[in-house]
Amino acid sequence: MSNERLRYHGPAGMARYHIPGPSENDKRFVPSVTTVTEPPREIKVVSEADVIVVGGGPGGFAAAVCAARMGARTVLLERYGHLGGMCTGGLVNIIPNLSDIGGTQYIGGICQEFIDRLDKQDAAFHPFKLDWGSTDESVLKYYKDCSFHHFFIRKNKEGKDALLYSAIIDPEIGKNEINRMVMEAGVKLYLHSWVTNVIMDGNQVKGIIFESKSGRQAVLGKVIIDCTGDGDLLTWTGAQYEDDIGADLRIKHLCFGYWIGGVEFRAFDKFVSSRPDDYIALKNELHDKGLYISFFRGMLKNQEHTAWLHPHFIAECQTDVEEMTRMDVAAREKAVQTWELLRDKAPGFEKSYIHLTCAQLGTTGGRRLVGEYSLREDDLRRTEPFEDTIAIFPNNDRGKESLEHPVVYVPYRTLIPRDIEGFMVACRAFSSDDEANSCFNLIPHCMCFGQAAGTAAAMAVQEGISVRNVPFGKLREQLLKQNVILP
């Protein structure tokens, strides 16, 4: 059998799946009226804080912990029963691009602290520091064999494969460790709490309203930080935002991650090497049936028999509840069908089982704040830091351009709306165009946004000033004390 069809199974294959459209059954539920009127009611205030953080993902937990450590009374609200967002509940447990292609680390701070804490529990994996930037094939082989070369290996200026500093974490231990960090900092935590509105006084945000099993309640605060990922608070505050996404960008997709356990990879590798035509036929059969055809091998301790799968689905709107529902149903069906086919036809998968599926969909893009400054594609080629640089991001994913411009500088102003007071954004909804957002809205980047926003929010409360007026020199001093790597 020809190998030609394997071209369909390259990196682009991660984004080839489409979410089904509305079914005929949906037509039965078209409403006869378009709106209803909700009667006014008094809402019980359950907490009052200096800083309110909405969303407990990478940006949210970082913002809450850093604000609380600065002495601010901090409330954190999360819609699920766990913290960590995509890196835990979404099973996107890869923290990539912590160094540039040469091996120089640029993302530290609370992100590095989180990895260090998990290291002590054998719940993280990453290359030894001496190997960062290494081109030694004996070092690189392990990452290539595990299919993780996309997250760990890039071409350097000499055209050689080089090892990045990226990390893998155990999402379940990660959930607990984030809980510990939040509780140690003295944050007031509300899980199972979905924020549904904001409290405004003119253009000033004064608090939030949330729903839970306890009913509809409110929290009042001086600074509110949107860490929902999707920029949920932007629509309620009236802050300007963009939501255009290029069709060929990573952030156009939803992801449904799941793990297959009980895989004997030695038997599978023998199948691949000794029966290449049968292996190609299996991959083509998966492709023709619209099933997932790629997986990573678990790199965590005691997970040597686990395959990690991250199928991506092209989305029209990642905040449309009907589309998200169709995605969840279709993706779960495809996951089971993929596993069944592998179990029945792939040696090594005979005793496998679906070990874990994501508790939340892997949303990759959506609303983006229009801030005091918007990071645009041209800024990815900028050579000088901004005066208010809060983070340096390794620029590893733009091919030859990454070698010419190995880092990108991000200004504090990308977290500040133009015309709303008492409000910040510290998640993938930071102020940016879709190209810049697609490169720099990953887990470590959001932790950097959260660390800067939480620190600045606490400083603003302490000094009685707007977050937009926080003196950057003082903010820089605080971030450096927190081991943030700055110019």
Protein backbone atom coordinates (compact mmCIF):
# COMPACT_ATOMS: atom_id res chain seq x y z
CA MET A 1 0.00 0.00 0.00
CA SER A 2 1.28 3.48 -0.83
CA ASN A 3 2.39 5.78 1.97
CA GLU A 4 0.94 8.81 0.18
CA ARG A 5 -2.24 8.94 2.24
CA LEU A 6 -0.23 9.40 5.41
CA ARG A 7 -0.04 13.06 4.39
CA TYR A 8 -3.54 13.39 5.79
CA HIS A 9 -2.27 12.45 9.21
CA GLY A 10 0.21 15.24 9.86
CA PRO A 11 -0.19 18.21 12.24
CA ALA A 12 -3.02 19.59 10.11
CA GLY A 13 -4.99 16.46 10.95
CA MET A 14 -5.56 17.84 14.44
CA ALA A 15 -7.99 20.39 12.99
CA ARG A 16 -9.82 18.46 10.30
CA TYR A 17 -12.93 17.52 12.25
CA HIS A 18 -16.17 19.47 11.93
CA ILE A 19 -18.91 19.93 14.50
CA PRO A 20 -22.30 18.70 13.20
CA GLY A 21 -24.86 21.37 12.36
CA PRO A 22 -28.33 21.61 13.94
CA SER A 23 -30.40 18.46 13.51
CA GLU A 24 -33.92 18.16 12.12
CA ASN A 25 -35.05 17.45 15.66
CA ASP A 26 -33.94 20.94 16.72
CA LYS A 27 -36.63 22.47 14.51
CA ARG A 28 -39.28 21.09 16.87
CA PHE A 29 -38.10 23.46 19.58
CA VAL A 30 -38.25 26.83 17.82
CA PRO A 31 -39.88 29.19 20.35
CA SER A 32 -43.15 30.96 19.63
CA VAL A 33 -42.01 34.09 21.51
CA THR A 34 -38.60 35.75 21.33
CA THR A 35 -38.20 37.23 24.83
CA VAL A 36 -39.61 37.11 28.36
CA THR A 37 -39.38 39.75 31.08
CA GLU A 38 -37.49 38.88 34.26
CA PRO A 39 -38.99 40.62 37.29
CA PRO A 40 -36.69 42.81 39.42
CA ARG A 41 -35.50 41.29 42.70
CA GLU A 42 -33.13 41.96 45.56
CA ILE A 43 -29.88 39.95 45.54
CA LYS A 44 -28.19 38.86 48.74
CA VAL A 45 -24.59 40.09 49.10
CA VAL A 46 -22.51 37.21 50.49
CA SER A 47 -19.01 38.72 50.41
CA GLU A 48 -17.20 42.02 50.04
CA ALA A 49 -13.61 42.08 48.83
CA ASP A 50 -10.82 44.24 47.51
CA VAL A 51 -10.28 42.05 44.44
CA ILE A 52 -12.75 39.70 42.74
CA VAL A 53 -11.36 37.16 40.28
CA VAL A 54 -13.86 35.44 37.99
CA GLY A 55 -12.62 32.12 36.61
CA GLY A 56 -10.19 29.73 38.29
CA GLY A 57 -8.12 28.65 35.29
CA PRO A 58 -4.38 29.35 34.87
CA GLY A 59 -4.88 33.12 34.78
CA GLY A 60 -7.51 33.14 37.50
CA PHE A 61 -5.72 31.14 40.15
CA ALA A 62 -2.52 33.11 39.47
CA ALA A 63 -4.36 36.44 39.80
CA ALA A 64 -6.13 35.40 43.00
CA VAL A 65 -3.02 33.99 44.68
CA CYS A 66 -0.87 36.99 43.80
CA ALA A 67 -3.49 39.54 44.88
CA ALA A 68 -4.02 37.75 48.19
CA ARG A 69 -0.29 37.43 48.83
CA MET A 70 -0.08 41.20 48.42
CA GLY A 71 -2.57 41.56 51.26
CA ALA A 72 -5.75 42.18 49.28
CA ARG A 73 -8.98 40.55 50.41
CA THR A 74 -9.53 38.35 47.39
CA VAL A 75 -12.55 36.33 46.23
CA LEU A 76 -12.20 33.71 43.48
CA LEU A 77 -15.26 32.26 41.72
CA GLU A 78 -15.16 29.18 39.48
CA ARG A 79 -18.03 27.52 37.61
CA TYR A 80 -16.67 23.96 37.98
CA GLY A 81 -15.81 22.00 41.13
CA HIS A 82 -12.08 22.28 40.46
CA LEU A 83 -9.45 24.90 39.67
CA GLY A 84 -6.90 24.91 36.87
CA GLY A 85 -9.20 25.24 33.87
CA MET A 86 -7.71 23.93 30.65
CA CYS A 87 -4.54 22.57 32.26
CA THR A 88 -6.52 20.32 34.61
CA GLY A 89 -10.20 19.88 33.72
CA GLY A 90 -9.55 20.35 30.01
CA LEU A 91 -6.76 17.72 30.03
CA VAL A 92 -4.53 20.19 28.20
CA ASN A 93 -1.83 19.33 30.72
CA ILE A 94 1.03 20.65 28.60
CA ILE A 95 2.78 23.85 29.74
CA PRO A 96 4.84 24.68 26.65
CA ASN A 97 7.36 27.27 25.48
CA LEU A 98 8.92 28.24 28.79
CA SER A 99 12.25 28.79 27.04
CA ASP A 100 13.30 30.01 23.64
CA ILE A 101 14.76 27.67 21.02
CA GLY A 102 18.25 28.23 22.44
CA GLY A 103 17.13 27.05 25.87
CA THR A 104 16.97 30.40 27.70
CA GLN A 105 14.05 30.49 30.15
CA TYR A 106 11.71 33.49 29.93
CA ILE A 107 8.60 32.39 31.81
CA GLY A 108 9.12 32.04 35.55
CA GLY A 109 7.13 33.48 38.45
CA ILE A 110 4.06 31.62 39.64
CA CYS A 111 4.17 29.31 36.61
CA GLN A 112 7.59 28.01 37.67
CA GLU A 113 6.44 27.85 41.29
CA PHE A 114 3.51 25.64 40.25
CA ILE A 115 5.81 23.29 38.33
CA ASP A 116 8.28 23.18 41.24
CA ARG A 117 5.52 22.23 43.67
CA LEU A 118 4.33 19.44 41.38
CA ASP A 119 7.92 18.25 40.88
CA LYS A 120 8.11 17.47 44.59
CA GLN A 121 5.16 15.10 44.16
CA ASP A 122 6.44 13.38 40.99
CA ALA A 123 3.48 15.06 39.25
CA ALA A 124 5.41 16.96 36.59
CA PHE A 125 7.79 16.09 33.79
CA HIS A 126 10.21 18.34 31.93
CA PRO A 127 13.74 18.19 30.52
CA PHE A 128 16.70 18.62 32.83
CA LYS A 129 17.92 22.22 32.81
CA LEU A 130 21.28 21.16 31.37
CA ASP A 131 19.43 19.80 28.32
CA TRP A 132 17.49 22.96 27.45
CA GLY A 133 18.58 23.93 23.95
CA SER A 134 20.37 20.61 23.44
CA THR A 135 20.74 19.21 19.90
CA ASP A 136 21.97 15.82 21.08
CA GLU A 137 19.93 13.17 19.24
CA SER A 138 20.24 10.76 22.16
CA VAL A 139 18.47 13.38 24.30
CA LEU A 140 15.86 14.25 21.68
CA LYS A 141 14.94 10.64 20.87
CA TYR A 142 12.74 10.19 23.95
CA TYR A 143 10.53 13.16 23.02
CA LYS A 144 10.23 12.06 19.42
CA ASP A 145 9.33 8.51 20.43
CA CYS A 146 6.56 9.84 22.69
CA SER A 147 5.17 11.95 19.81
CA PHE A 148 5.70 15.10 21.88
CA HIS A 149 8.24 16.66 19.52
CA HIS A 150 5.76 19.45 18.64
CA PHE A 151 5.90 20.73 22.23
CA PHE A 152 9.56 20.06 22.96
CA ILE A 153 11.56 20.35 19.73
CA ARG A 154 12.21 23.18 17.24
CA LYS A 155 14.78 23.88 14.55
CA ASN A 156 17.58 26.23 15.68
CA LYS A 157 19.54 28.65 13.50
CA GLU A 158 21.81 25.85 12.34
CA GLY A 159 18.78 23.84 11.20
CA LYS A 160 19.26 21.28 13.95
CA ASP A 161 16.52 19.97 16.23
CA ALA A 162 16.82 21.66 19.64
CA LEU A 163 15.10 20.90 22.95
CA LEU A 164 12.77 23.47 24.53
CA TYR A 165 11.92 23.83 28.20
CA SER A 166 8.29 22.73 28.32
CA ALA A 167 6.50 20.81 31.08
CA ILE A 168 3.84 18.14 31.43
CA ILE A 169 1.72 18.00 34.59
CA ASP A 170 -0.59 15.50 36.25
CA PRO A 171 -3.98 17.25 36.02
CA GLU A 172 -5.48 15.56 39.09
CA ILE A 173 -2.54 16.38 41.37
CA GLY A 174 -2.52 19.80 39.74
CA LYS A 175 -6.10 20.47 40.83
CA ASN A 176 -5.19 19.76 44.44
CA GLU A 177 -1.97 21.76 44.34
CA ILE A 178 -3.78 24.83 43.01
CA ASN A 179 -6.31 24.43 45.84
CA ARG A 180 -3.40 24.45 48.28
CA MET A 181 -1.89 27.59 46.77
CA VAL A 182 -5.23 29.40 46.85
CA MET A 183 -6.02 28.40 50.43
CA GLU A 184 -2.51 29.15 51.71
CA ALA A 185 -2.81 32.67 50.27
CA GLY A 186 -6.06 33.29 52.14
CA VAL A 187 -8.34 33.54 49.11
CA LYS A 188 -12.12 33.23 49.66
CA LEU A 189 -13.14 30.53 47.18
CA TYR A 190 -16.53 29.82 45.60
CA LEU A 191 -16.63 26.69 43.45
CA HIS A 192 -19.73 25.53 41.54
CA SER A 193 -20.49 29.23 41.01
CA TRP A 194 -21.32 30.66 37.61
CA VAL A 195 -21.01 34.45 37.34
CA THR A 196 -23.98 35.74 35.34
CA ASN A 197 -23.70 39.54 35.51
CA VAL A 198 -21.72 42.48 36.82
CA ILE A 199 -22.81 45.33 39.06
CA MET A 200 -22.09 48.70 37.44
CA ASP A 201 -22.17 52.31 38.62
CA GLY A 202 -21.78 54.28 35.42
CA ASN A 203 -18.58 52.97 33.85
CA GLN A 204 -17.27 51.61 37.18
CA VAL A 205 -17.50 47.89 38.00
CA LYS A 206 -18.64 47.44 41.60
CA GLY A 207 -19.19 43.70 41.90
CA ILE A 208 -20.58 40.57 40.33
CA ILE A 209 -23.73 38.43 40.50
CA PHE A 210 -23.43 34.66 40.44
CA GLU A 211 -25.70 31.62 40.43
CA SER A 212 -25.18 28.37 42.32
CA LYS A 213 -27.13 25.72 44.20
CA SER A 214 -27.50 28.41 46.88
CA GLY A 215 -29.40 30.64 44.46
CA ARG A 216 -28.59 34.05 43.01
CA GLN A 217 -26.05 36.00 45.10
CA ALA A 218 -23.65 38.94 44.83
CA VAL A 219 -20.08 39.82 45.74
CA LEU A 220 -18.94 43.43 45.97
CA GLY A 221 -15.38 44.48 45.19
CA LYS A 222 -13.08 47.32 44.23
CA VAL A 223 -11.31 45.61 41.30
CA ILE A 224 -12.80 42.79 39.20
CA ILE A 225 -10.52 40.63 37.05
CA ASP A 226 -12.03 38.67 34.16
CA CYS A 227 -10.22 35.33 33.97
CA THR A 228 -13.07 33.41 32.33
CA GLY A 229 -10.96 32.73 29.24
CA ASP A 230 -13.91 33.60 27.04
CA GLY A 231 -14.14 37.22 28.20
CA ASP A 232 -17.60 36.60 29.62
CA LEU A 233 -17.59 39.85 31.61
CA LEU A 234 -16.80 41.97 28.57
CA THR A 235 -20.39 41.87 27.31
CA TRP A 236 -21.86 42.78 30.69
CA THR A 237 -19.47 45.66 31.45
CA GLY A 238 -19.88 47.17 27.99
CA ALA A 239 -16.13 46.97 27.38
CA GLN A 240 -15.14 46.95 23.72
CA TYR A 241 -14.00 43.61 22.32
CA GLU A 242 -13.13 41.78 19.11
CA ASP A 243 -14.12 38.23 18.21
CA ASP A 244 -12.92 37.71 14.63
CA ILE A 245 -10.72 34.62 14.17
CA GLY A 246 -8.95 33.57 10.97
CA ALA A 247 -10.19 30.23 9.68
CA ASP A 248 -6.69 28.70 9.59
CA LEU A 249 -5.70 29.63 13.15
CA ARG A 250 -5.41 27.27 16.11
CA ILE A 251 -7.82 29.36 18.16
CA LYS A 252 -10.66 28.58 15.74
CA HIS A 253 -11.05 25.14 17.34
CA LEU A 254 -12.64 23.37 20.26
CA CYS A 255 -10.79 20.38 21.73
CA PHE A 256 -12.13 17.24 23.42
CA GLY A 257 -9.27 15.61 25.29
CA TYR A 258 -9.32 12.05 26.59
CA TRP A 259 -6.92 9.37 27.78
CA ILE A 260 -6.76 5.69 26.83
CA GLY A 261 -5.18 3.53 29.54
CA GLY A 262 -3.81 -0.01 29.53
CA VAL A 263 -1.83 0.34 26.28
CA GLU A 264 1.16 -1.96 25.72
CA PHE A 265 3.31 0.32 23.59
CA ARG A 266 6.02 -2.28 22.99
CA ALA A 267 3.49 -4.46 21.19
CA PHE A 268 2.18 -1.43 19.29
CA ASP A 269 5.70 -0.38 18.25
CA LYS A 270 6.42 -3.89 17.02
CA PHE A 271 3.22 -3.73 14.95
CA VAL A 272 4.26 -0.41 13.41
CA SER A 273 7.79 -1.56 12.55
CA SER A 274 7.03 -5.13 11.42
CA ARG A 275 3.71 -4.57 9.61
CA PRO A 276 3.93 -1.08 8.11
CA ASP A 277 1.28 -1.71 5.44
CA ASP A 278 -1.23 -2.87 8.06
CA TYR A 279 -0.39 0.16 10.20
CA ILE A 280 -0.99 2.54 7.29
CA ALA A 281 -4.24 0.74 6.47
CA LEU A 282 -5.42 1.21 10.07
CA LYS A 283 -4.59 4.92 10.05
CA ASN A 284 -6.37 5.36 6.74
CA GLU A 285 -9.41 3.51 8.07
CA LEU A 286 -9.51 5.84 11.09
CA HIS A 287 -9.21 8.81 8.75
CA ASP A 288 -11.94 7.60 6.39
CA LYS A 289 -14.34 7.10 9.30
CA GLY A 290 -13.67 10.62 10.59
CA LEU A 291 -11.95 9.32 13.72
CA TYR A 292 -8.84 10.56 15.50
CA ILE A 293 -5.54 9.16 14.29
CA SER A 294 -2.83 10.64 16.54
CA PHE A 295 -1.92 10.32 20.20
CA PHE A 296 0.79 11.26 22.65
CA ARG A 297 2.35 8.81 25.08
CA GLY A 298 2.01 9.61 28.76
CA MET A 299 5.30 10.99 30.05
CA LEU A 300 4.36 11.16 33.73
CA LYS A 301 5.61 8.68 36.30
CA ASN A 302 3.53 5.48 36.34
CA GLN A 303 1.66 6.50 33.18
CA GLU A 304 3.79 4.55 30.72
CA HIS A 305 0.69 2.74 29.43
CA THR A 306 -1.44 5.82 28.76
CA ALA A 307 -2.21 7.42 25.40
CA TRP A 308 -3.28 11.06 25.41
CA LEU A 309 -5.57 12.23 22.60
CA HIS A 310 -6.50 15.85 21.82
CA PRO A 311 -8.84 15.94 18.78
CA HIS A 312 -9.68 19.44 17.56
CA PHE A 313 -12.97 20.48 15.98
CA ILE A 314 -13.49 23.57 13.83
CA ALA A 315 -15.96 25.86 15.61
CA GLU A 316 -18.07 28.74 14.39
CA CYS A 317 -18.58 30.19 17.87
CA GLN A 318 -16.94 28.70 20.95
CA THR A 319 -19.43 30.37 23.29
CA ASP A 320 -22.60 29.13 21.54
CA VAL A 321 -24.21 26.66 23.96
CA GLU A 322 -25.95 24.74 21.17
CA GLU A 323 -22.76 24.32 19.18
CA MET A 324 -20.85 23.33 22.34
CA THR A 325 -23.52 20.74 23.11
CA ARG A 326 -23.33 19.24 19.61
CA MET A 327 -19.55 19.22 19.91
CA ASP A 328 -19.58 17.38 23.24
CA VAL A 329 -22.00 14.72 21.96
CA ALA A 330 -20.18 14.20 18.65
CA ALA A 331 -16.69 14.20 20.19
CA ARG A 332 -17.62 11.68 22.86
CA GLU A 333 -19.07 9.37 20.19
CA LYS A 334 -15.89 9.70 18.13
CA ALA A 335 -13.76 8.99 21.19
CA VAL A 336 -15.54 5.71 21.85
CA GLN A 337 -15.45 4.72 18.17
CA THR A 338 -11.72 5.53 17.97
CA TRP A 339 -10.97 3.46 21.04
CA GLU A 340 -13.08 0.52 19.79
CA LEU A 341 -11.26 0.45 16.46
CA LEU A 342 -7.84 0.64 18.13
CA ARG A 343 -8.84 -2.05 20.63
CA ASP A 344 -10.00 -4.38 17.86
CA LYS A 345 -7.26 -3.78 15.29
CA ALA A 346 -4.15 -2.25 16.89
CA PRO A 347 -1.84 -4.71 18.71
CA GLY A 348 -1.11 -3.34 22.18
CA PHE A 349 -4.60 -1.86 22.59
CA GLU A 350 -6.38 -5.18 23.24
CA LYS A 351 -6.78 -4.56 26.99
CA SER A 352 -7.03 -0.80 26.77
CA TYR A 353 -9.88 1.30 28.14
CA ILE A 354 -11.00 4.92 28.14
CA HIS A 355 -9.37 6.11 31.33
CA LEU A 356 -10.42 9.76 31.47
CA THR A 357 -12.32 12.36 29.46
CA CYS A 358 -12.10 16.13 29.86
CA ALA A 359 -14.42 17.70 32.42
CA GLN A 360 -14.61 20.84 30.29
CA LEU A 361 -14.26 21.49 26.57
CA GLY A 362 -10.93 22.80 25.39
CA THR A 363 -11.88 26.30 24.25
CA THR A 364 -9.03 27.96 22.39
CA GLY A 365 -10.30 31.39 21.34
CA GLY A 366 -13.18 33.84 21.45
CA ARG A 367 -13.75 37.40 22.66
CA ARG A 368 -10.68 39.60 23.02
CA LEU A 369 -10.58 42.88 24.94
CA VAL A 370 -9.94 46.12 23.10
CA GLY A 371 -7.51 47.52 25.63
CA GLU A 372 -5.32 50.57 26.09
CA TYR A 373 -2.86 48.69 23.92
CA SER A 374 -3.58 45.78 21.61
CA LEU A 375 -0.80 43.31 20.83
CA ARG A 376 -0.83 42.89 17.04
CA GLU A 377 1.01 40.67 14.60
CA ASP A 378 3.58 43.44 13.95
CA ASP A 379 4.48 43.42 17.65
CA LEU A 380 5.68 39.82 17.29
CA ARG A 381 8.59 41.27 15.31
CA ARG A 382 9.32 44.07 17.78
CA THR A 383 12.93 44.20 18.96
CA GLU A 384 12.62 46.55 21.96
CA PRO A 385 10.64 45.94 25.17
CA PHE A 386 7.67 48.14 26.03
CA GLU A 387 8.21 50.50 28.95
CA ASP A 388 5.43 48.63 30.78
CA THR A 389 6.47 45.08 29.82
CA ILE A 390 4.93 42.55 32.23
CA ALA A 391 6.02 39.36 30.47
CA ILE A 392 8.47 38.03 27.92
CA PHE A 393 7.12 35.16 25.83
CA PRO A 394 9.39 32.82 23.85
CA ASN A 395 8.38 33.16 20.21
CA ASN A 396 8.86 29.54 19.14
CA ASP A 397 5.96 28.80 16.80
CA ARG A 398 6.47 31.11 13.82
CA GLY A 399 9.11 29.23 11.81
CA LYS A 400 12.03 31.29 10.50
CA GLU A 401 10.59 34.41 12.09
CA SER A 402 11.07 32.83 15.51
CA LEU A 403 14.81 32.61 14.88
CA GLU A 404 14.97 36.29 13.94
CA HIS A 405 12.68 37.39 16.80
CA PRO A 406 13.08 34.81 19.58
CA VAL A 407 10.92 36.65 22.15
CA VAL A 408 7.80 38.81 22.29
CA TYR A 409 7.20 41.57 24.84
CA VAL A 410 3.74 42.09 26.35
CA PRO A 411 2.73 45.43 27.91
CA TYR A 412 0.59 45.89 31.02
CA ARG A 413 -1.85 47.97 28.95
CA THR A 414 -3.12 44.84 27.17
CA LEU A 415 -4.95 43.96 30.41
CA ILE A 416 -6.69 47.34 30.82
CA PRO A 417 -9.95 48.30 29.02
CA ARG A 418 -10.11 51.71 27.42
CA ASP A 419 -13.25 53.02 29.04
CA ILE A 420 -14.26 50.83 32.00
CA GLU A 421 -12.93 51.42 35.52
CA GLY A 422 -12.21 48.87 38.24
CA PHE A 423 -11.87 46.13 35.65
CA MET A 424 -9.05 44.04 34.16
CA VAL A 425 -8.72 41.05 31.83
CA ALA A 426 -6.10 38.38 32.59
CA CYS A 427 -6.74 35.36 30.39
CA ARG A 428 -6.72 34.45 26.71
CA ALA A 429 -9.14 37.38 26.19
CA PHE A 430 -6.25 39.86 26.63
CA SER A 431 -6.13 42.74 24.14
CA SER A 432 -4.70 41.34 20.90
CA ASP A 433 -5.47 40.52 17.30
CA ASP A 434 -6.24 36.93 16.38
CA GLU A 435 -2.70 36.19 15.11
CA ALA A 436 -0.97 37.35 18.30
CA ASN A 437 -3.65 35.70 20.41
CA SER A 438 -3.21 32.38 18.64
CA CYS A 439 0.51 32.37 19.52
CA PHE A 440 0.31 33.62 23.08
CA ASN A 441 -2.93 32.57 24.80
CA LEU A 442 -1.64 29.27 26.19
CA ILE A 443 -1.48 28.12 29.81
CA PRO A 444 1.85 29.70 30.85
CA HIS A 445 0.96 32.97 29.14
CA CYS A 446 -2.32 33.19 31.06
CA MET A 447 -0.46 32.59 34.33
CA CYS A 448 1.77 35.57 33.46
CA PHE A 449 -1.27 37.76 32.77
CA GLY A 450 -2.85 36.65 36.04
CA GLN A 451 0.28 37.30 38.08
CA ALA A 452 0.61 40.83 36.73
CA ALA A 453 -3.10 41.63 37.06
CA GLY A 454 -3.47 40.26 40.58
CA THR A 455 -0.40 42.13 41.77
CA ALA A 456 -1.47 45.38 40.12
CA ALA A 457 -5.04 45.09 41.43
CA ALA A 458 -3.81 44.75 45.00
CA MET A 459 -1.50 47.74 44.55
CA ALA A 460 -4.33 49.85 43.14
CA VAL A 461 -6.56 49.06 46.12
CA GLN A 462 -3.80 49.79 48.61
CA GLU A 463 -2.98 53.15 47.00
CA GLY A 464 -6.59 54.09 46.27
CA ILE A 465 -6.01 54.56 42.56
CA SER A 466 -7.32 53.15 39.30
CA VAL A 467 -5.64 50.02 37.97
CA ARG A 468 -4.76 52.00 34.84
CA ASN A 469 -2.74 54.42 37.00
CA VAL A 470 -0.63 51.87 38.88
CA PRO A 471 2.98 53.14 38.66
CA PHE A 472 4.74 50.65 36.44
CA GLY A 473 8.08 51.06 38.19
CA LYS A 474 6.53 49.85 41.45
CA LEU A 475 4.65 47.04 39.68
CA ARG A 476 7.89 45.94 38.06
CA GLU A 477 9.61 45.83 41.46
CA GLN A 478 6.87 43.61 42.86
CA LEU A 479 6.92 41.26 39.87
CA LEU A 480 10.69 40.88 40.08
CA LYS A 481 10.32 39.97 43.77
CA GLN A 482 7.95 37.21 42.61
CA ASN A 483 10.63 35.80 40.26
CA VAL A 484 8.93 37.07 37.10
CA ILE A 485 11.51 37.33 34.30
CA LEU A 486 11.47 40.86 32.84
CA PRO A 487 13.74 42.88 30.52
